[in-house]
N, C-alpha and C. Protein backbone atom coordinates (compact mmCIF):
# COMPACT_ATOMS: atom_id res chain seq x y z
N UNK A 1 104.61 177.72 -134.11
CA UNK A 1 105.85 176.60 -134.41
C UNK A 1 105.78 176.67 -135.69
N UNK A 2 107.13 176.97 -136.51
CA UNK A 2 107.31 176.46 -137.79
C UNK A 2 107.84 175.61 -138.03
N UNK A 3 108.98 175.08 -138.71
CA UNK A 3 109.72 173.76 -138.69
C UNK A 3 110.77 173.57 -137.51
N UNK A 4 110.23 172.90 -136.53
CA UNK A 4 110.84 172.00 -135.75
C UNK A 4 112.29 171.61 -136.01
N UNK A 5 113.20 171.82 -135.24
CA UNK A 5 114.50 170.60 -135.74
C UNK A 5 115.21 170.48 -134.55
N UNK A 6 115.37 169.27 -134.02
CA UNK A 6 116.22 168.58 -132.82
C UNK A 6 117.45 168.07 -133.19
N UNK A 7 118.47 168.50 -132.53
CA UNK A 7 119.37 167.92 -132.51
C UNK A 7 120.14 167.38 -131.36
N UNK A 8 121.19 166.39 -131.44
CA UNK A 8 121.84 165.93 -130.09
C UNK A 8 123.44 166.38 -130.45
N UNK A 9 123.63 167.73 -129.46
CA UNK A 9 124.68 168.29 -129.70
C UNK A 9 125.85 167.29 -128.84
N UNK A 10 126.02 165.93 -129.22
CA UNK A 10 127.23 165.30 -128.14
C UNK A 10 128.12 165.86 -127.22
N UNK A 11 128.96 166.91 -128.05
CA UNK A 11 129.89 167.61 -127.85
C UNK A 11 129.92 168.33 -126.43
N UNK A 12 128.54 168.97 -126.52
CA UNK A 12 127.93 169.77 -125.31
C UNK A 12 127.07 169.18 -124.47
N UNK A 13 126.98 167.68 -124.78
CA UNK A 13 125.90 167.31 -124.06
C UNK A 13 124.86 167.76 -123.72
N UNK A 14 124.05 167.82 -124.94
CA UNK A 14 122.73 168.88 -124.49
C UNK A 14 121.59 168.30 -126.11
N UNK A 15 120.52 167.91 -125.83
CA UNK A 15 119.76 168.17 -127.18
C UNK A 15 119.20 169.93 -127.18
N UNK A 16 119.08 169.85 -128.38
CA UNK A 16 118.33 171.27 -128.51
C UNK A 16 117.26 171.06 -129.73
N UNK A 17 116.38 172.25 -129.46
CA UNK A 17 115.33 172.69 -130.41
C UNK A 17 115.36 173.80 -130.66
N UNK A 18 115.33 174.15 -132.50
CA UNK A 18 115.05 175.05 -133.22
C UNK A 18 113.84 175.27 -133.43
N UNK A 19 113.07 176.41 -133.82
CA UNK A 19 111.92 176.62 -134.50
C UNK A 19 112.39 177.60 -135.50
N UNK A 20 112.57 176.81 -136.81
CA UNK A 20 113.17 177.84 -137.95
C UNK A 20 114.50 178.22 -137.45
N UNK A 21 115.19 179.46 -137.58
CA UNK A 21 116.72 179.90 -137.14
C UNK A 21 116.75 180.22 -135.72
N UNK A 22 115.72 180.12 -134.94
CA UNK A 22 116.08 180.47 -133.50
C UNK A 22 116.02 178.66 -132.55
N UNK A 23 117.32 178.98 -131.89
CA UNK A 23 117.38 178.23 -130.75
C UNK A 23 116.17 178.67 -129.77
N UNK A 24 115.27 177.77 -129.60
CA UNK A 24 114.18 177.85 -128.52
C UNK A 24 114.32 177.12 -127.14
N UNK A 25 114.90 175.64 -127.27
CA UNK A 25 114.91 175.22 -125.60
C UNK A 25 116.21 174.11 -126.23
N UNK A 26 116.59 174.13 -124.95
CA UNK A 26 117.74 172.81 -124.29
C UNK A 26 117.01 171.83 -123.43
N UNK A 27 117.60 170.66 -123.50
CA UNK A 27 117.75 169.89 -122.74
C UNK A 27 119.25 169.25 -122.62
N UNK A 28 119.88 169.87 -121.49
CA UNK A 28 121.08 168.82 -121.17
C UNK A 28 121.47 167.74 -120.28
N UNK A 29 122.43 166.93 -120.37
CA UNK A 29 122.51 165.46 -120.08
C UNK A 29 123.72 165.28 -119.48
N UNK A 30 124.22 163.98 -118.42
CA UNK A 30 124.64 163.30 -118.81
C UNK A 30 124.78 161.89 -119.12
N UNK A 31 126.04 161.20 -119.90
CA UNK A 31 125.70 159.99 -120.12
C UNK A 31 126.91 159.40 -119.71
N UNK A 32 126.47 158.05 -119.17
CA UNK A 32 127.62 157.62 -118.16
C UNK A 32 128.05 156.25 -119.00
N UNK A 33 127.19 156.10 -120.53
CA UNK A 33 127.47 154.72 -121.34
C UNK A 33 126.39 153.49 -121.13
N UNK A 34 125.69 153.96 -119.69
CA UNK A 34 124.93 152.70 -119.45
C UNK A 34 123.19 153.29 -119.61
N UNK A 35 123.25 154.87 -118.50
CA UNK A 35 122.52 155.82 -118.50
C UNK A 35 122.37 157.13 -118.91
N UNK A 36 120.99 157.94 -119.01
CA UNK A 36 121.41 159.13 -119.50
C UNK A 36 120.65 159.89 -118.82
N UNK A 37 121.50 161.00 -117.34
CA UNK A 37 120.56 161.78 -116.69
C UNK A 37 120.53 163.22 -117.52
N UNK A 38 118.93 163.34 -117.44
CA UNK A 38 118.54 164.35 -118.12
C UNK A 38 118.54 165.79 -116.90
N UNK A 39 119.45 166.34 -116.98
CA UNK A 39 119.39 167.10 -115.80
C UNK A 39 119.13 168.67 -115.76
N UNK A 40 118.82 169.20 -116.93
CA UNK A 40 118.30 170.67 -116.84
C UNK A 40 117.62 170.92 -118.24
N UNK A 41 116.03 171.49 -118.33
CA UNK A 41 115.14 171.21 -119.38
C UNK A 41 115.05 173.07 -119.56
N UNK A 42 115.66 173.45 -120.37
CA UNK A 42 115.44 175.08 -120.62
C UNK A 42 114.73 175.71 -121.67
N UNK A 43 113.91 176.70 -121.53
CA UNK A 43 113.34 177.09 -122.96
C UNK A 43 113.61 178.78 -122.53
N UNK A 44 114.30 179.24 -124.08
CA UNK A 44 114.63 180.76 -123.68
C UNK A 44 113.59 181.69 -123.58
N UNK A 45 113.69 182.38 -122.67
CA UNK A 45 112.37 183.19 -122.20
C UNK A 45 111.42 183.74 -122.73
N UNK A 46 111.92 184.33 -124.21
CA UNK A 46 110.88 184.80 -124.98
C UNK A 46 110.39 183.92 -125.95
N UNK A 47 110.50 182.59 -125.82
CA UNK A 47 110.05 181.18 -126.57
C UNK A 47 108.97 180.64 -125.31
N UNK A 48 108.85 181.08 -124.24
CA UNK A 48 108.21 180.28 -123.26
C UNK A 48 106.94 180.30 -123.22
N UNK A 49 106.13 179.16 -122.98
CA UNK A 49 104.71 179.36 -122.88
C UNK A 49 104.29 178.61 -124.68
N UNK A 50 105.13 177.79 -125.44
CA UNK A 50 104.64 177.35 -126.64
C UNK A 50 104.83 175.81 -126.79
N UNK A 51 105.21 175.37 -125.47
CA UNK A 51 105.19 173.84 -125.07
C UNK A 51 106.60 173.23 -125.75
N UNK A 52 107.89 174.49 -126.10
CA UNK A 52 108.92 173.66 -126.52
C UNK A 52 109.43 172.48 -125.77
N UNK A 53 109.58 172.82 -124.25
CA UNK A 53 110.57 172.26 -123.39
C UNK A 53 109.80 170.73 -123.83
N UNK A 54 108.28 170.37 -123.36
CA UNK A 54 107.99 169.19 -124.09
C UNK A 54 108.54 168.61 -124.71
N UNK A 55 108.24 169.22 -125.92
CA UNK A 55 108.94 168.84 -127.41
C UNK A 55 110.29 168.52 -127.37
N UNK A 56 111.17 168.96 -126.84
CA UNK A 56 112.63 168.42 -126.58
C UNK A 56 112.71 167.49 -125.57
N UNK A 57 112.00 167.42 -124.86
CA UNK A 57 111.92 166.22 -123.72
C UNK A 57 111.52 164.59 -125.14
N UNK A 58 110.23 165.01 -125.32
CA UNK A 58 109.70 163.97 -126.11
C UNK A 58 110.75 163.44 -126.79
N UNK A 59 110.96 163.84 -128.00
CA UNK A 59 111.90 163.99 -128.89
C UNK A 59 113.58 163.21 -128.42
N UNK A 60 113.78 163.81 -127.52
CA UNK A 60 115.00 163.09 -126.51
C UNK A 60 114.94 161.67 -126.01
N UNK A 61 113.30 161.77 -125.76
CA UNK A 61 113.09 160.35 -124.90
C UNK A 61 112.85 159.49 -126.10
N UNK A 62 112.59 159.78 -127.53
CA UNK A 62 112.14 159.22 -128.45
C UNK A 62 113.58 158.52 -128.87
N UNK A 63 114.34 159.57 -129.33
CA UNK A 63 115.42 159.18 -129.82
C UNK A 63 116.59 157.68 -128.60
N UNK A 64 116.19 158.10 -127.07
CA UNK A 64 117.11 157.23 -126.39
C UNK A 64 116.33 156.04 -126.38
N UNK A 65 114.54 155.65 -126.80
CA UNK A 65 114.15 154.79 -126.69
C UNK A 65 114.84 153.89 -128.01
N UNK A 66 114.72 154.62 -129.14
CA UNK A 66 114.99 153.94 -130.41
C UNK A 66 116.67 153.51 -130.50
N UNK A 67 117.24 154.47 -129.91
CA UNK A 67 119.03 153.67 -129.62
C UNK A 67 119.07 152.05 -128.88
N UNK A 68 117.74 152.53 -127.44
CA UNK A 68 117.68 150.97 -127.04
C UNK A 68 118.78 150.85 -126.17
N UNK A 69 119.90 151.19 -125.90
CA UNK A 69 120.96 150.94 -125.15
C UNK A 69 121.51 151.91 -123.89
N UNK A 70 120.25 152.37 -123.39
CA UNK A 70 120.69 153.42 -122.05
C UNK A 70 119.00 153.23 -121.37
N UNK A 71 118.98 153.52 -120.16
CA UNK A 71 117.78 154.13 -119.46
C UNK A 71 118.06 155.72 -118.80
N UNK A 72 117.09 156.39 -118.80
CA UNK A 72 116.94 157.86 -118.35
C UNK A 72 116.89 157.89 -116.86
N UNK A 73 117.65 158.57 -116.56
CA UNK A 73 117.11 159.40 -115.06
C UNK A 73 117.00 160.64 -114.90
N UNK A 74 115.65 161.02 -114.55
CA UNK A 74 114.91 162.35 -114.57
C UNK A 74 115.42 163.19 -113.74
N UNK A 75 116.41 163.70 -113.76
CA UNK A 75 117.04 164.41 -112.80
C UNK A 75 116.17 166.10 -112.91
N UNK A 76 116.22 166.50 -113.92
CA UNK A 76 115.65 167.90 -113.67
C UNK A 76 113.80 167.45 -113.26
N UNK A 77 113.38 168.77 -112.67
CA UNK A 77 112.05 168.04 -112.27
C UNK A 77 111.23 168.28 -113.12
N UNK A 78 111.42 169.00 -114.50
CA UNK A 78 110.36 169.18 -115.51
C UNK A 78 110.23 167.72 -116.19
N UNK A 79 111.64 167.37 -116.27
CA UNK A 79 111.45 166.06 -117.06
C UNK A 79 110.85 164.64 -116.06
N UNK A 80 110.89 164.76 -115.00
CA UNK A 80 110.33 164.05 -114.26
C UNK A 80 108.84 164.03 -113.96
N UNK A 81 108.23 165.47 -114.18
CA UNK A 81 106.73 165.86 -114.34
C UNK A 81 106.45 165.60 -115.79
N UNK A 82 107.52 165.56 -116.86
CA UNK A 82 106.85 165.36 -117.92
C UNK A 82 106.69 163.30 -117.92
N UNK A 83 107.69 162.64 -117.33
CA UNK A 83 107.48 161.06 -117.06
C UNK A 83 106.20 161.09 -116.48
N UNK A 84 105.98 161.49 -115.34
CA UNK A 84 104.65 161.61 -114.81
C UNK A 84 103.20 161.92 -115.75
N UNK A 85 103.39 162.56 -116.56
CA UNK A 85 102.19 162.77 -117.55
C UNK A 85 102.31 161.58 -118.48
N UNK A 86 103.25 161.00 -118.86
CA UNK A 86 103.62 160.08 -120.19
C UNK A 86 103.74 158.78 -119.44
N UNK A 87 102.98 157.90 -118.53
CA UNK A 87 103.57 157.12 -117.93
C UNK A 87 103.51 155.81 -119.00
N UNK A 88 103.23 155.79 -120.23
CA UNK A 88 103.45 154.81 -121.11
C UNK A 88 105.09 154.59 -121.56
N UNK A 89 105.80 156.04 -121.54
CA UNK A 89 107.16 156.12 -121.75
C UNK A 89 108.27 155.61 -120.32
N UNK A 90 107.30 155.19 -119.59
CA UNK A 90 108.13 155.07 -118.39
C UNK A 90 109.09 153.56 -118.54
N UNK A 91 108.99 153.07 -119.36
CA UNK A 91 109.64 151.80 -119.41
C UNK A 91 111.11 152.37 -120.10
N UNK A 92 111.65 153.39 -120.12
CA UNK A 92 113.02 153.68 -120.14
C UNK A 92 113.39 153.83 -118.87
N UNK A 93 112.69 154.53 -118.06
CA UNK A 93 113.45 154.74 -116.47
C UNK A 93 114.62 153.78 -115.72
N UNK A 94 114.94 154.53 -115.54
CA UNK A 94 116.33 153.34 -114.44
C UNK A 94 115.34 153.28 -113.40
N UNK A 95 115.54 151.81 -113.22
CA UNK A 95 114.54 151.43 -112.24
C UNK A 95 115.45 152.19 -110.70
N UNK A 96 114.82 152.46 -109.63
CA UNK A 96 115.01 152.99 -108.37
C UNK A 96 115.49 152.27 -107.72
N UNK A 97 116.97 152.27 -106.89
CA UNK A 97 117.51 151.16 -105.93
C UNK A 97 117.19 151.03 -104.66
C-alpha cells in the first residue's frame, strides 16, 4: 500500500479508496437522510487480498461517526462481518426493530 486516498462520491452514492492512482475498492450506499445502508463492498479483483475492503469500510464508518447524524444499516455481508469483528464501533448501527 502506498498512499491511500478515501473519498465520498455523493453523486454516485459510493465511497472509494485509491492506492496511488489506482481505484482499489468501493463501498456503495443508500442514504435516506436518517440512516446509511452500506449495500456493497467491492475490491477490484487484481487488488484483492490486501485489506482494502476493510480500510474503505473503516474510513466510511469513521466519517459517519464524525458527522454524527446518521445510523448505519449493514446490508452487505462483508460490512456485517466487519462490525462483528469491531464491536467497539457498533454504536452507530441502526437498532433492530
